[in-house]
N, C-alpha and C. Protein backbone atom coordinates (compact mmCIF):
# COMPACT_ATOMS: atom_id res chain seq x y z
N MET A 1 0.84 -1.18 0.00
CA MET A 1 0.00 0.00 0.00
C MET A 1 0.89 1.25 0.00
N ARG A 2 0.47 2.21 -0.74
CA ARG A 2 1.25 3.45 -0.83
C ARG A 2 1.01 4.33 0.39
N GLN A 3 2.05 5.10 0.75
CA GLN A 3 1.93 6.03 1.88
C GLN A 3 1.66 7.42 1.33
N LYS A 4 0.63 8.05 1.83
CA LYS A 4 0.30 9.40 1.39
C LYS A 4 1.32 10.38 1.98
N ASN A 5 1.68 11.37 1.18
CA ASN A 5 2.61 12.39 1.62
C ASN A 5 1.79 13.62 2.04
N TRP A 6 1.45 13.69 3.32
CA TRP A 6 0.56 14.73 3.81
C TRP A 6 1.20 16.11 3.76
N ARG A 7 2.52 16.19 3.84
CA ARG A 7 3.17 17.50 3.73
C ARG A 7 2.92 18.11 2.37
N LEU A 8 3.02 17.30 1.33
CA LEU A 8 2.78 17.77 -0.03
C LEU A 8 1.33 18.20 -0.21
N VAL A 9 0.41 17.45 0.36
CA VAL A 9 -1.01 17.79 0.26
C VAL A 9 -1.29 19.12 0.96
N ILE A 10 -0.76 19.30 2.15
CA ILE A 10 -1.00 20.52 2.92
C ILE A 10 -0.41 21.74 2.21
N VAL A 11 0.81 21.61 1.71
CA VAL A 11 1.43 22.73 0.99
C VAL A 11 0.63 23.05 -0.27
N GLY A 12 0.15 22.04 -0.97
CA GLY A 12 -0.67 22.28 -2.15
C GLY A 12 -1.95 23.02 -1.83
N VAL A 13 -2.62 22.63 -0.77
CA VAL A 13 -3.86 23.31 -0.37
C VAL A 13 -3.57 24.75 0.03
N VAL A 14 -2.49 24.98 0.76
CA VAL A 14 -2.13 26.35 1.16
C VAL A 14 -1.84 27.19 -0.07
N LEU A 15 -1.14 26.63 -1.06
CA LEU A 15 -0.85 27.38 -2.28
C LEU A 15 -2.13 27.71 -3.06
N ILE A 16 -3.08 26.79 -3.07
CA ILE A 16 -4.36 27.08 -3.74
C ILE A 16 -5.07 28.24 -3.06
N VAL A 17 -5.09 28.22 -1.73
CA VAL A 17 -5.73 29.31 -0.98
C VAL A 17 -5.02 30.64 -1.23
N LEU A 18 -3.69 30.61 -1.26
CA LEU A 18 -2.92 31.84 -1.51
C LEU A 18 -3.15 32.36 -2.93
N ALA A 19 -3.25 31.48 -3.91
CA ALA A 19 -3.49 31.91 -5.29
C ALA A 19 -4.87 32.57 -5.41
N ILE A 20 -5.87 31.97 -4.78
CA ILE A 20 -7.21 32.56 -4.81
C ILE A 20 -7.23 33.89 -4.08
N GLY A 21 -6.57 33.95 -2.92
CA GLY A 21 -6.50 35.19 -2.16
C GLY A 21 -5.78 36.30 -2.92
N PHE A 22 -4.68 35.95 -3.60
CA PHE A 22 -3.94 36.93 -4.40
C PHE A 22 -4.82 37.46 -5.52
N PHE A 23 -5.54 36.57 -6.20
CA PHE A 23 -6.41 37.00 -7.30
C PHE A 23 -7.49 37.95 -6.79
N LEU A 24 -8.13 37.58 -5.69
CA LEU A 24 -9.20 38.43 -5.15
C LEU A 24 -8.67 39.76 -4.65
N PHE A 25 -7.49 39.75 -4.02
CA PHE A 25 -6.88 41.00 -3.54
C PHE A 25 -6.56 41.92 -4.71
N MET A 26 -6.03 41.36 -5.78
CA MET A 26 -5.67 42.19 -6.93
C MET A 26 -6.89 42.68 -7.69
N MET A 27 -8.02 41.99 -7.57
CA MET A 27 -9.25 42.49 -8.20
C MET A 27 -9.65 43.83 -7.58
N GLY A 28 -9.38 43.99 -6.29
CA GLY A 28 -9.66 45.26 -5.64
C GLY A 28 -8.71 46.36 -6.05
N MET A 29 -7.51 45.99 -6.48
CA MET A 29 -6.52 46.98 -6.91
C MET A 29 -6.68 47.35 -8.38
N ALA A 30 -7.39 46.56 -9.16
CA ALA A 30 -7.49 46.78 -10.60
C ALA A 30 -8.07 48.14 -10.99
N PRO A 31 -9.10 48.63 -10.32
CA PRO A 31 -9.64 49.93 -10.76
C PRO A 31 -8.64 51.08 -10.63
N LYS A 32 -7.64 50.92 -9.78
CA LYS A 32 -6.65 51.99 -9.60
C LYS A 32 -5.53 51.93 -10.63
N SER A 33 -5.50 50.86 -11.42
CA SER A 33 -4.42 50.67 -12.38
C SER A 33 -4.66 51.48 -13.65
N ASN A 34 -3.56 51.81 -14.35
CA ASN A 34 -3.67 52.50 -15.63
C ASN A 34 -4.28 51.60 -16.71
N ASP A 35 -3.97 50.31 -16.64
CA ASP A 35 -4.49 49.34 -17.61
C ASP A 35 -5.01 48.12 -16.84
N PRO A 36 -6.24 48.21 -16.33
CA PRO A 36 -6.75 47.12 -15.50
C PRO A 36 -6.87 45.78 -16.23
N ALA A 37 -7.17 45.80 -17.52
CA ALA A 37 -7.32 44.54 -18.25
C ALA A 37 -5.99 43.81 -18.35
N ALA A 38 -4.93 44.53 -18.65
CA ALA A 38 -3.61 43.90 -18.76
C ALA A 38 -3.13 43.42 -17.39
N MET A 39 -3.41 44.20 -16.37
CA MET A 39 -2.99 43.79 -15.02
C MET A 39 -3.71 42.50 -14.61
N MET A 40 -5.02 42.43 -14.85
CA MET A 40 -5.76 41.25 -14.44
C MET A 40 -5.40 40.04 -15.30
N ARG A 41 -4.99 40.28 -16.54
CA ARG A 41 -4.53 39.17 -17.39
C ARG A 41 -3.26 38.57 -16.78
N THR A 42 -2.35 39.44 -16.37
CA THR A 42 -1.11 38.96 -15.75
C THR A 42 -1.38 38.28 -14.42
N VAL A 43 -2.24 38.88 -13.61
CA VAL A 43 -2.59 38.30 -12.31
C VAL A 43 -3.26 36.94 -12.50
N GLY A 44 -4.12 36.82 -13.50
CA GLY A 44 -4.78 35.55 -13.77
C GLY A 44 -3.81 34.47 -14.21
N GLN A 45 -2.82 34.86 -15.02
CA GLN A 45 -1.82 33.89 -15.45
C GLN A 45 -0.98 33.40 -14.28
N VAL A 46 -0.58 34.33 -13.41
CA VAL A 46 0.23 33.96 -12.24
C VAL A 46 -0.59 33.07 -11.30
N SER A 47 -1.81 33.48 -11.02
CA SER A 47 -2.66 32.70 -10.12
C SER A 47 -2.96 31.32 -10.70
N GLY A 48 -3.18 31.27 -12.00
CA GLY A 48 -3.45 29.99 -12.65
C GLY A 48 -2.25 29.06 -12.61
N ALA A 49 -1.06 29.62 -12.82
CA ALA A 49 0.15 28.80 -12.77
C ALA A 49 0.38 28.25 -11.37
N VAL A 50 0.25 29.10 -10.37
CA VAL A 50 0.43 28.65 -8.98
C VAL A 50 -0.65 27.64 -8.61
N GLY A 51 -1.88 27.89 -9.02
CA GLY A 51 -2.96 26.95 -8.74
C GLY A 51 -2.74 25.61 -9.42
N GLY A 52 -2.23 25.62 -10.66
CA GLY A 52 -1.95 24.38 -11.36
C GLY A 52 -0.85 23.57 -10.69
N ILE A 53 0.21 24.26 -10.28
CA ILE A 53 1.29 23.57 -9.56
C ILE A 53 0.77 23.00 -8.25
N ALA A 54 -0.10 23.75 -7.58
CA ALA A 54 -0.65 23.29 -6.31
C ALA A 54 -1.52 22.05 -6.50
N VAL A 55 -2.32 22.02 -7.55
CA VAL A 55 -3.17 20.85 -7.80
C VAL A 55 -2.31 19.62 -8.06
N VAL A 56 -1.23 19.79 -8.82
CA VAL A 56 -0.33 18.67 -9.08
C VAL A 56 0.31 18.19 -7.78
N MET A 57 0.68 19.12 -6.91
CA MET A 57 1.27 18.74 -5.62
C MET A 57 0.28 17.94 -4.79
N VAL A 58 -0.97 18.37 -4.77
CA VAL A 58 -2.00 17.66 -4.00
C VAL A 58 -2.19 16.25 -4.57
N LEU A 59 -2.24 16.14 -5.89
CA LEU A 59 -2.43 14.83 -6.50
C LEU A 59 -1.26 13.89 -6.20
N PHE A 60 -0.04 14.39 -6.35
CA PHE A 60 1.12 13.55 -6.04
C PHE A 60 1.15 13.17 -4.57
N GLY A 61 0.73 14.10 -3.71
CA GLY A 61 0.70 13.78 -2.28
C GLY A 61 -0.33 12.73 -1.95
N LEU A 62 -1.47 12.76 -2.62
CA LEU A 62 -2.52 11.78 -2.36
C LEU A 62 -2.19 10.42 -2.97
N ILE A 63 -1.51 10.43 -4.11
CA ILE A 63 -1.09 9.16 -4.71
C ILE A 63 -0.06 8.49 -3.81
N GLY A 64 0.85 9.27 -3.29
CA GLY A 64 1.82 8.75 -2.33
C GLY A 64 3.01 8.08 -2.98
N ARG A 65 3.76 7.38 -2.14
CA ARG A 65 4.95 6.70 -2.60
C ARG A 65 4.95 5.29 -2.04
N LYS A 66 5.75 4.46 -2.67
CA LYS A 66 5.86 3.08 -2.22
C LYS A 66 6.58 3.02 -0.88
N PRO A 67 6.14 2.18 0.03
CA PRO A 67 6.86 2.07 1.31
C PRO A 67 8.23 1.46 1.10
N GLN A 68 9.18 1.91 1.91
CA GLN A 68 10.54 1.39 1.79
C GLN A 68 10.60 -0.01 2.38
N ALA A 69 11.37 -0.84 1.73
CA ALA A 69 11.45 -2.25 2.16
C ALA A 69 12.25 -2.43 3.42
């Protein structure tokens, strides 16, 4: 049976929360920007990349690793 890597799962969940929080925080800053559409495009790309990495971390953590013999 594989052992779940809970550290990887926890870090992945924290990164997902931080990515969502960053996106929502920057939505409040967008009206003050000179080019809100370009700023939100960049923020969305960064948040999406971090969220994608976090999802992969959670999946690898839940899949786990083989126990050492």
